[in-house]
Amino acid sequence: MASTSRADYDAALERARTAFASWRAVPAPRRGELVRLFGEAVRRHKPALAELITLEVGKIGSEAAGEVQEVIDICDFAVGLSRQLYGLTIASERPRHHMLERWHPLGPVAIITAFNFPMAVWSWNAALALVCGNPVVWKPSEKTPLTALALQRVLESVIRDFGDAPAGLAQLVQGARPVGEWLAEDARIPLVSATGSTRMGREVAVKVAGRFGRSLLELGGNNAMIVAPSASEDLAVRAITFAAAGTAGQRCTTLRRLYVHESRYDALLARLRRAYASLRVGSPFAPDTLVGPLIDRAAFEAMQATLAAARAAGATVHGGERVTVAGHEAGYYVRPALVELAAPIEASERETFAPILYVFRYQSIEQAIDGNNAVVQGLSSSLITQNLSEAELFLSAEGSDCGIANVNIGPSGAEIGGAFGGEKQTGGGRESGSDAWKAYMRRQTQTVNYSSTLPLAQGVKFDVE
């Protein structure tokens, strides 16, 4: 896929700026109608879009279809939101005055997405940005240009038929790092929403802050699960296996660290080894496949290097080997790996985007929570327990320090109704549900004096003849 030239990039940004001048004046419920129509168009094309995700990324059919469903769901959410862009009324200390907070459109929003969710993460941002009155400029991963082109064409067709939506409302720019740098450095873009590695986010944040822009960052995850003494073993095995091996370990919310109470460790690990051995690794187009390929050779080599480092540190590694799939011999298929460790090592404290699960024993819930919180990432976390006190501790201010904390489900599979994002080196951003829409707007405090005098706040006197 050819990279967007600088001239074409600048033309796209100017189209977005022109579109903003008219789109911000369109009533928000009318903007929501555009997003509703887009969601309906995606629904009509769902099978084809899902197949394209499988083709380009390697997701199994149900996960690819689930990603397209996320696009539809966030459109439904945004349509309702378009009638709820609420502000506040604030009591004034001055007689016959009132104060308001209002939210206004921000301007063109740049969206930089990663390969692993090539449609969903863009839609989380785009649906909200559009109902908030902003054009969108999308730079997808250079590994997934086709899915971006397909979804962009669907949106463009809806815009074309809508009537009062400007032509430049949605722009697509393709390319690698230089194109992302243009977006980060461009003062015409008030908000850059970027999903990717912590390294990438650190560079984007510095460039955007250098021009006093805003950044919304969704970066690395090194997510943990705690399995307590009272946990349901059946539930735990299902939750662990999906969270750690689904999408071939290539989700930001993938389970990467597992803390098992010492009283349950041996039995649970035996069950996990059997479950892992039964996972069907193969072509993502085959209906019985559960684990498709890694995205590319670099991902495979990173996984193997990490497993070699774990072995060198004394870990016991189960699985992790390459799997040959007939008809797909060039693909990088792997058996998900279980890595038993007595204590954390350097490899377990960083994110390797592959199906590697580090397993530790623990003695007390406080020790397990400390382990959960001990890494620099802070995206998602979970606890499997039937003990109310443990659950409440985990969810309290003394518990998980992550942006997402779950009980009796895994750390992955977030619904669009909740704000998605994490703390620490995960970036602190929030996308999708709840009040994440506020990131795409600017807040204005307004005061109206409906008297014939001019009383000043704080009792200040400034009499003028």
Protein backbone atom coordinates (compact mmCIF):
# COMPACT_ATOMS: atom_id res chain seq x y z
CA MET A 1 0.00 0.00 0.00
CA ALA A 2 1.47 3.35 -1.07
CA SER A 3 2.05 5.92 1.64
CA THR A 4 0.16 9.21 1.52
CA SER A 5 2.38 11.98 0.18
CA ARG A 6 2.90 15.17 2.15
CA ALA A 7 0.96 17.14 -0.45
CA ASP A 8 -1.97 14.75 -0.26
CA TYR A 9 -1.80 14.81 3.52
CA ASP A 10 -1.98 18.61 3.62
CA ALA A 11 -4.90 18.58 1.19
CA ALA A 12 -6.73 16.07 3.41
CA LEU A 13 -6.20 18.27 6.47
CA GLU A 14 -7.53 21.31 4.66
CA ARG A 15 -10.61 19.37 3.61
CA ALA A 16 -11.12 18.37 7.25
CA ARG A 17 -10.78 21.98 8.41
CA THR A 18 -13.29 23.13 5.82
CA ALA A 19 -15.68 20.38 6.86
CA PHE A 20 -15.43 21.43 10.50
CA ALA A 21 -16.68 24.93 9.75
CA SER A 22 -20.05 23.54 8.63
CA TRP A 23 -20.34 20.27 10.60
CA ARG A 24 -20.02 22.00 13.99
CA ALA A 25 -23.17 24.00 13.17
CA VAL A 26 -25.26 20.90 12.39
CA PRO A 27 -27.46 20.02 15.40
CA ALA A 28 -26.01 17.14 17.39
CA PRO A 29 -29.06 14.86 16.93
CA ARG A 30 -28.73 15.33 13.19
CA ARG A 31 -25.05 14.39 13.45
CA GLY A 32 -26.20 11.31 15.34
CA GLU A 33 -28.43 10.40 12.41
CA LEU A 34 -25.36 10.21 10.18
CA VAL A 35 -23.72 7.82 12.63
CA ARG A 36 -26.93 5.76 12.81
CA LEU A 37 -26.97 5.37 9.04
CA PHE A 38 -23.30 4.43 9.07
CA GLY A 39 -23.98 1.75 11.69
CA GLU A 40 -26.79 0.35 9.54
CA ALA A 41 -24.49 0.28 6.51
CA VAL A 42 -21.86 -1.61 8.51
CA ARG A 43 -24.54 -4.07 9.62
CA ARG A 44 -25.41 -4.78 5.98
CA HIS A 45 -21.76 -5.39 5.14
CA LYS A 46 -20.88 -7.24 8.35
CA PRO A 47 -19.98 -10.64 6.80
CA ALA A 48 -17.73 -9.11 4.16
CA LEU A 49 -16.02 -6.75 6.62
CA ALA A 50 -15.44 -9.61 9.06
CA GLU A 51 -13.94 -11.76 6.32
CA LEU A 52 -11.58 -8.93 5.42
CA ILE A 53 -10.39 -8.70 9.04
CA THR A 54 -9.70 -12.44 9.01
CA LEU A 55 -7.83 -12.14 5.74
CA GLU A 56 -5.66 -9.21 6.79
CA VAL A 57 -5.15 -9.80 10.52
CA GLY A 58 -5.75 -13.53 10.95
CA LYS A 59 -8.57 -13.34 13.50
CA ILE A 60 -10.83 -16.36 13.69
CA GLY A 61 -14.32 -15.88 12.27
CA SER A 62 -16.20 -15.28 15.52
CA GLU A 63 -13.68 -12.72 16.74
CA ALA A 64 -13.67 -10.91 13.41
CA ALA A 65 -17.46 -10.79 13.40
CA GLY A 66 -17.37 -9.61 17.00
CA GLU A 67 -15.10 -6.74 16.04
CA VAL A 68 -17.49 -5.59 13.32
CA GLN A 69 -20.30 -5.85 15.86
CA GLU A 70 -18.33 -3.46 18.07
CA VAL A 71 -18.47 -0.91 15.26
CA ILE A 72 -22.24 -1.32 15.08
CA ASP A 73 -22.63 -1.16 18.86
CA ILE A 74 -20.61 2.03 19.29
CA CYS A 75 -22.69 3.65 16.55
CA ASP A 76 -25.83 2.76 18.53
CA PHE A 77 -24.25 4.21 21.66
CA ALA A 78 -23.22 7.41 19.86
CA VAL A 79 -26.70 7.94 18.40
CA GLY A 80 -28.18 8.09 21.90
CA LEU A 81 -25.28 10.24 23.04
CA SER A 82 -26.05 12.81 20.35
CA ARG A 83 -29.07 13.89 22.44
CA GLN A 84 -27.16 13.89 25.73
CA LEU A 85 -24.18 16.20 25.26
CA TYR A 86 -25.07 17.81 28.54
CA GLY A 87 -23.53 20.69 30.47
CA LEU A 88 -24.12 22.09 33.95
CA THR A 89 -25.89 25.04 35.52
CA ILE A 90 -23.93 26.63 38.37
CA ALA A 91 -25.26 28.92 41.09
CA SER A 92 -23.85 32.43 40.81
CA GLU A 93 -22.95 34.53 43.84
CA ARG A 94 -24.15 37.64 42.01
CA PRO A 95 -27.84 38.56 41.87
CA ARG A 96 -29.63 38.07 38.56
CA HIS A 97 -26.72 36.17 37.04
CA HIS A 98 -26.51 32.56 35.98
CA MET A 99 -23.54 30.41 35.04
CA LEU A 100 -23.41 27.52 32.60
CA GLU A 101 -20.94 24.97 31.32
CA ARG A 102 -21.35 24.15 27.64
CA TRP A 103 -19.46 21.73 25.46
CA HIS A 104 -18.52 22.73 21.91
CA PRO A 105 -16.98 20.82 19.00
CA LEU A 106 -13.21 20.72 19.14
CA GLY A 107 -12.00 20.46 15.53
CA PRO A 108 -10.43 17.77 13.33
CA VAL A 109 -9.58 14.66 15.36
CA ALA A 110 -6.66 12.46 14.29
CA ILE A 111 -7.08 8.74 15.00
CA ILE A 112 -4.02 6.48 14.87
CA THR A 113 -4.89 2.79 15.22
CA ALA A 114 -3.00 -0.47 15.68
CA PHE A 115 -3.29 -3.66 13.62
CA ASN A 116 -4.96 -5.88 16.21
CA PHE A 117 -8.36 -4.15 16.18
CA PRO A 118 -8.25 -2.51 12.74
CA MET A 119 -11.91 -1.39 12.75
CA ALA A 120 -13.22 -1.32 16.32
CA VAL A 121 -10.81 1.14 17.91
CA TRP A 122 -11.21 3.60 15.06
CA SER A 123 -14.98 3.42 15.46
CA TRP A 124 -14.80 4.07 19.21
CA ASN A 125 -13.15 7.37 18.39
CA ALA A 126 -14.84 8.24 15.11
CA ALA A 127 -18.45 7.66 16.22
CA LEU A 128 -18.02 9.89 19.26
CA ALA A 129 -15.99 12.52 17.42
CA LEU A 130 -18.61 12.79 14.67
CA VAL A 131 -21.59 13.25 17.01
CA CYS A 132 -19.53 15.79 18.95
CA GLY A 133 -19.19 17.86 15.76
CA ASN A 134 -15.68 16.97 14.63
CA PRO A 135 -14.24 15.68 11.36
CA VAL A 136 -11.93 12.65 11.64
CA VAL A 137 -8.56 11.94 10.03
CA TRP A 138 -7.58 8.26 10.25
CA LYS A 139 -4.12 6.77 10.02
CA PRO A 140 -4.46 2.97 10.33
CA SER A 141 -1.57 0.63 10.95
CA GLU A 142 0.53 0.08 7.85
CA LYS A 143 -0.18 -3.64 8.46
CA THR A 144 -3.94 -3.24 7.91
CA PRO A 145 -4.57 -0.86 5.00
CA LEU A 146 -7.34 -2.90 3.37
CA THR A 147 -9.69 -3.00 6.34
CA ALA A 148 -9.29 0.75 6.69
CA LEU A 149 -10.04 1.35 3.02
CA ALA A 150 -13.16 -0.80 3.19
CA LEU A 151 -14.60 0.88 6.28
CA GLN A 152 -13.69 4.32 4.97
CA ARG A 153 -15.56 3.61 1.73
CA VAL A 154 -18.66 2.60 3.67
CA LEU A 155 -18.56 5.82 5.67
CA GLU A 156 -17.90 7.96 2.59
CA SER A 157 -20.92 6.46 0.83
CA VAL A 158 -23.13 7.34 3.81
CA ILE A 159 -21.74 10.88 3.93
CA ARG A 160 -22.32 11.30 0.21
CA ASP A 161 -25.98 10.35 0.50
CA PHE A 162 -26.65 12.20 3.76
CA GLY A 163 -27.24 15.67 2.37
CA ASP A 164 -25.93 18.07 4.98
CA ALA A 165 -22.64 16.33 5.79
CA PRO A 166 -19.58 17.97 4.19
CA ALA A 167 -17.47 15.88 1.84
CA GLY A 168 -14.27 16.27 3.87
CA LEU A 169 -15.78 14.95 7.08
CA ALA A 170 -13.78 11.70 7.07
CA GLN A 171 -10.23 11.52 5.75
CA LEU A 172 -7.91 8.52 5.43
CA VAL A 173 -4.13 8.82 5.31
CA GLN A 174 -1.94 5.73 4.90
CA GLY A 175 1.65 5.13 5.81
CA ALA A 176 4.16 4.30 8.49
CA ARG A 177 5.81 6.40 11.19
CA PRO A 178 6.36 9.62 9.18
CA VAL A 179 2.62 10.04 8.59
CA GLY A 180 1.96 9.59 12.29
CA GLU A 181 4.58 12.23 13.04
CA TRP A 182 2.86 14.67 10.69
CA LEU A 183 -0.38 14.21 12.64
CA ALA A 184 1.31 14.59 16.02
CA GLU A 185 3.08 17.79 14.97
CA ASP A 186 0.16 19.38 13.10
CA ALA A 187 -1.30 22.39 14.92
CA ARG A 188 -4.44 22.09 12.76
CA ILE A 189 -5.37 19.00 14.81
CA PRO A 190 -6.49 19.80 18.37
CA LEU A 191 -6.73 16.13 19.44
CA VAL A 192 -4.65 13.10 18.50
CA SER A 193 -6.04 9.76 19.69
CA ALA A 194 -3.33 7.12 19.34
CA THR A 195 -3.42 3.40 20.07
CA GLY A 196 -0.21 1.39 20.05
CA SER A 197 2.97 0.70 21.99
CA THR A 198 4.16 2.69 24.99
CA ARG A 199 7.18 3.76 22.98
CA MET A 200 4.96 5.18 20.25
CA GLY A 201 2.70 6.89 22.77
CA ARG A 202 5.59 8.55 24.56
CA GLU A 203 6.77 10.09 21.29
CA VAL A 204 3.27 11.18 20.26
CA ALA A 205 2.59 12.73 23.67
CA VAL A 206 5.76 14.82 23.56
CA LYS A 207 5.11 16.11 20.06
CA VAL A 208 1.45 16.93 20.71
CA ALA A 209 2.19 18.58 24.06
CA GLY A 210 4.95 20.60 22.43
CA ARG A 211 2.31 22.45 20.43
CA PHE A 212 -0.19 22.50 23.35
CA GLY A 213 -2.50 20.00 21.67
CA ARG A 214 -4.37 17.19 23.38
CA SER A 215 -3.54 13.51 23.18
CA LEU A 216 -5.71 10.52 24.06
CA LEU A 217 -3.44 7.51 24.50
CA GLU A 218 -4.25 3.79 24.64
CA LEU A 219 -0.90 2.07 25.03
CA GLY A 220 0.65 -1.09 26.44
CA GLY A 221 -1.00 -3.60 28.73
CA ASN A 222 0.48 -6.30 30.96
CA ASN A 223 -2.72 -7.60 32.45
CA ALA A 224 -3.03 -9.93 35.41
CA MET A 225 -5.63 -12.29 36.85
CA ILE A 226 -5.80 -13.57 40.41
CA VAL A 227 -7.35 -16.98 41.09
CA ALA A 228 -8.43 -17.13 44.72
CA PRO A 229 -8.93 -20.20 46.94
CA SER A 230 -12.72 -19.99 46.52
CA ALA A 231 -12.63 -19.67 42.72
CA SER A 232 -14.72 -21.88 40.46
CA GLU A 233 -12.14 -23.94 38.61
CA ASP A 234 -14.31 -24.42 35.53
CA LEU A 235 -14.95 -20.69 35.28
CA ALA A 236 -11.27 -19.88 35.86
CA VAL A 237 -10.02 -22.25 33.15
CA ARG A 238 -12.41 -20.83 30.55
CA ALA A 239 -11.65 -17.24 31.50
CA ILE A 240 -7.89 -17.77 31.51
CA THR A 241 -7.74 -19.66 28.23
CA PHE A 242 -9.81 -17.17 26.27
CA ALA A 243 -8.10 -14.14 27.79
CA ALA A 244 -4.57 -15.49 27.28
CA ALA A 245 -4.87 -17.35 23.95
CA GLY A 246 -7.66 -15.53 22.10
CA THR A 247 -6.59 -13.38 19.14
CA ALA A 248 -3.28 -15.28 19.41
CA GLY A 249 -2.38 -13.14 22.41
CA GLN A 250 -2.50 -9.96 20.34
CA ARG A 251 -4.97 -7.88 22.34
CA CYS A 252 -3.99 -4.97 24.56
CA THR A 253 -6.18 -6.64 27.19
CA THR A 254 -4.66 -10.11 26.73
CA LEU A 255 -4.01 -11.93 30.01
CA ARG A 256 -0.23 -12.07 30.45
CA ARG A 257 0.28 -12.73 34.19
CA LEU A 258 -1.62 -15.24 36.34
CA TYR A 259 -1.47 -15.36 40.15
CA VAL A 260 -2.87 -18.61 41.56
CA HIS A 261 -3.30 -19.27 45.27
CA GLU A 262 -0.89 -21.97 46.39
CA SER A 263 -3.79 -24.20 47.50
CA ARG A 264 -5.16 -24.28 43.94
CA TYR A 265 -1.97 -24.04 41.90
CA ASP A 266 -1.18 -27.67 41.05
CA ALA A 267 -4.73 -28.68 40.12
CA LEU A 268 -5.40 -25.53 38.13
CA LEU A 269 -2.13 -25.70 36.22
CA ALA A 270 -2.84 -29.32 35.28
CA ARG A 271 -6.25 -28.26 33.91
CA LEU A 272 -4.69 -25.36 32.04
CA ARG A 273 -2.08 -27.57 30.42
CA ARG A 274 -4.83 -29.89 29.18
CA ALA A 275 -6.88 -26.94 27.93
CA TYR A 276 -3.90 -25.44 26.13
CA ALA A 277 -3.08 -28.80 24.51
CA SER A 278 -6.63 -28.99 23.17
CA LEU A 279 -6.60 -25.54 21.56
CA ARG A 280 -7.05 -25.83 17.80
CA VAL A 281 -4.31 -23.79 16.13
CA GLY A 282 -4.87 -23.32 12.42
CA SER A 283 -6.27 -21.34 9.55
CA PRO A 284 -8.57 -18.60 10.85
CA PHE A 285 -10.98 -19.47 8.03
CA ALA A 286 -11.52 -22.98 9.42
CA PRO A 287 -14.68 -23.05 11.57
CA ASP A 288 -13.12 -25.09 14.38
CA THR A 289 -9.97 -22.96 14.80
CA LEU A 290 -9.53 -21.14 18.10
CA VAL A 291 -6.02 -19.69 17.61
CA GLY A 292 -5.01 -18.12 14.33
CA PRO A 293 -1.61 -16.78 13.30
CA LEU A 294 0.59 -14.06 14.68
CA ILE A 295 0.55 -10.96 12.53
CA ASP A 296 4.06 -11.39 11.05
CA ARG A 297 7.55 -12.77 11.42
CA ALA A 298 8.65 -9.98 13.76
CA ALA A 299 5.94 -10.97 16.23
CA PHE A 300 7.02 -14.61 16.07
CA GLU A 301 10.68 -13.76 16.62
CA ALA A 302 9.80 -11.51 19.56
CA MET A 303 7.84 -14.36 21.14
CA GLN A 304 10.68 -16.85 20.70
CA ALA A 305 13.25 -14.41 22.10
CA THR A 306 11.05 -13.81 25.14
CA LEU A 307 10.60 -17.52 25.78
CA ALA A 308 14.35 -18.08 25.44
CA ALA A 309 14.95 -15.35 28.03
CA ALA A 310 12.42 -16.96 30.37
CA ARG A 311 14.12 -20.35 30.07
CA ALA A 312 17.49 -18.74 30.73
CA ALA A 313 16.04 -17.22 33.90
CA GLY A 314 14.98 -20.66 35.14
CA ALA A 315 11.35 -20.72 34.01
CA THR A 316 9.51 -23.88 32.98
CA VAL A 317 7.92 -23.32 29.56
CA HIS A 318 5.00 -25.38 28.24
CA GLY A 319 4.21 -24.83 24.54
CA GLY A 320 5.26 -21.82 22.51
CA GLU A 321 6.52 -23.76 19.49
CA ARG A 322 5.69 -22.95 15.88
CA VAL A 323 2.87 -24.98 14.33
CA THR A 324 2.81 -25.92 10.64
CA VAL A 325 -0.62 -25.45 9.09
CA ALA A 326 -1.25 -27.17 5.78
CA GLY A 327 -1.78 -24.65 3.02
CA HIS A 328 -0.45 -21.84 5.24
CA GLU A 329 3.15 -22.91 5.66
CA ALA A 330 4.41 -19.32 5.42
CA GLY A 331 2.18 -18.20 8.28
CA TYR A 332 3.47 -17.75 11.83
CA TYR A 333 1.25 -20.08 13.80
CA VAL A 334 2.27 -20.89 17.38
CA ARG A 335 1.11 -23.00 20.28
CA PRO A 336 0.20 -20.65 23.18
CA ALA A 337 2.76 -20.84 25.99
CA LEU A 338 2.43 -21.32 29.74
CA VAL A 339 5.50 -20.13 31.64
CA GLU A 340 5.91 -21.16 35.30
CA LEU A 341 7.93 -18.72 37.39
CA ALA A 342 8.89 -18.55 41.05
CA ALA A 343 9.21 -14.77 40.89
CA PRO A 344 8.84 -12.03 38.26
CA ILE A 345 11.62 -11.59 35.70
CA GLU A 346 12.35 -8.80 33.25
CA ALA A 347 10.44 -10.57 30.47
CA SER A 348 7.28 -10.90 32.57
CA GLU A 349 7.26 -7.20 33.41
CA ARG A 350 7.10 -6.04 29.80
CA GLU A 351 4.48 -6.68 27.16
CA THR A 352 5.25 -9.22 24.45
CA PHE A 353 2.43 -9.17 21.89
CA ALA A 354 2.05 -12.94 21.69
CA PRO A 355 0.26 -15.75 23.59
CA ILE A 356 2.60 -16.05 26.57
CA LEU A 357 1.11 -16.48 30.05
CA TYR A 358 3.36 -16.23 33.11
CA VAL A 359 2.06 -18.20 36.11
CA PHE A 360 2.95 -17.45 39.76
CA ARG A 361 1.92 -18.82 43.16
CA TYR A 362 0.68 -16.51 45.91
CA GLN A 363 -0.23 -16.86 49.58
CA SER A 364 -2.37 -13.83 50.53
CA ILE A 365 -4.74 -11.64 48.53
CA GLU A 366 -2.65 -8.59 49.47
CA GLN A 367 0.43 -10.26 47.98
CA ALA A 368 -1.46 -11.02 44.76
CA ILE A 369 -2.76 -7.44 44.47
CA ASP A 370 0.79 -6.16 44.96
CA GLY A 371 1.87 -8.43 42.10
CA ASN A 372 -0.95 -7.16 39.91
CA ASN A 373 0.14 -3.57 40.55
CA ALA A 374 3.91 -4.14 40.33
CA VAL A 375 4.30 -3.46 36.61
CA VAL A 376 4.49 -0.09 34.82
CA GLN A 377 1.38 -0.79 32.74
CA GLY A 378 -2.11 -0.34 34.16
CA LEU A 379 -4.76 -1.35 31.66
CA SER A 380 -6.86 -4.29 32.83
CA SER A 381 -7.06 -6.79 35.69
CA SER A 382 -9.35 -9.47 37.07
CA LEU A 383 -10.05 -11.63 40.10
CA ILE A 384 -11.78 -15.02 40.16
CA THR A 385 -13.33 -15.53 43.59
CA GLN A 386 -16.50 -16.36 45.50
CA ASN A 387 -15.27 -14.37 48.51
CA LEU A 388 -17.06 -11.02 48.81
CA SER A 389 -14.38 -9.48 51.00
CA GLU A 390 -11.63 -10.34 48.49
CA ALA A 391 -13.71 -8.97 45.62
CA GLU A 392 -14.42 -5.69 47.39
CA LEU A 393 -10.77 -5.28 48.39
CA PHE A 394 -9.67 -5.86 44.80
CA LEU A 395 -12.12 -3.20 43.56
CA SER A 396 -11.30 -0.68 46.30
CA ALA A 397 -8.72 2.11 46.41
CA GLU A 398 -6.37 -0.44 48.01
CA GLY A 399 -6.89 -2.90 45.17
CA SER A 400 -6.13 -2.99 41.45
CA ASP A 401 -4.49 0.17 40.11
CA CYS A 402 -5.70 -0.51 36.55
CA GLY A 403 -8.25 1.40 34.50
CA ILE A 404 -10.32 -1.81 34.24
CA ALA A 405 -10.95 -4.21 37.14
CA ASN A 406 -13.18 -7.26 36.71
CA VAL A 407 -14.48 -9.96 39.04
CA ASN A 408 -15.27 -13.47 37.76
CA ILE A 409 -14.49 -12.60 34.16
CA GLY A 410 -11.15 -12.18 32.41
CA PRO A 411 -9.39 -8.88 31.75
CA SER A 412 -10.42 -8.80 28.09
CA GLY A 413 -13.71 -8.44 26.27
CA ALA A 414 -14.66 -4.92 27.38
CA GLU A 415 -18.15 -3.69 26.45
CA ILE A 416 -18.54 -0.39 24.65
CA GLY A 417 -20.80 1.10 27.36
CA GLY A 418 -17.90 1.53 29.77
CA ALA A 419 -14.99 3.92 29.34
CA PHE A 420 -12.01 1.93 28.05
CA GLY A 421 -8.44 2.75 29.02
CA GLY A 422 -5.74 2.47 31.64
CA GLU A 423 -3.34 4.16 34.00
CA LYS A 424 0.43 4.58 34.29
CA GLN A 425 2.26 3.73 31.04
CA THR A 426 -1.00 2.64 29.43
CA GLY A 427 -1.47 6.36 28.83
CA GLY A 428 -4.45 7.44 30.91
CA GLY A 429 -6.84 7.85 27.98
CA ARG A 430 -10.49 6.79 27.92
CA GLU A 431 -12.42 5.83 24.80
CA SER A 432 -15.85 4.39 23.97
CA GLY A 433 -18.55 4.64 26.66
CA SER A 434 -19.50 6.57 29.78
CA ASP A 435 -18.41 10.23 29.53
CA ALA A 436 -15.45 9.59 27.18
CA TRP A 437 -17.19 11.98 24.75
CA LYS A 438 -15.81 14.91 26.73
CA ALA A 439 -12.33 14.24 25.32
CA TYR A 440 -13.63 15.22 21.87
CA MET A 441 -15.10 18.57 22.91
CA ARG A 442 -14.01 21.84 24.49
CA ARG A 443 -15.63 23.09 27.67
CA GLN A 444 -16.76 26.69 27.99
CA THR A 445 -17.94 28.38 31.20
CA GLN A 446 -20.56 31.03 30.46
CA THR A 447 -21.98 33.77 32.68
CA VAL A 448 -25.11 35.76 31.83
CA ASN A 449 -26.08 38.97 33.65
CA TYR A 450 -29.80 39.66 33.20
CA SER A 451 -29.89 42.64 35.57
CA SER A 452 -29.33 46.33 34.81
CA THR A 453 -26.41 46.61 37.22
CA LEU A 454 -22.90 45.18 37.32
CA PRO A 455 -22.17 43.57 40.69
CA LEU A 456 -18.67 42.11 40.84
CA ALA A 457 -17.70 38.77 42.29
CA GLN A 458 -15.94 38.41 45.65
CA GLY A 459 -17.34 41.78 46.74
CA VAL A 460 -14.91 43.77 44.60
CA LYS A 461 -15.75 47.48 44.25
CA PHE A 462 -14.72 49.37 41.12
CA ASP A 463 -16.90 52.45 40.85
CA VAL A 464 -16.47 54.59 37.78
CA GLU A 465 -18.14 58.00 37.21
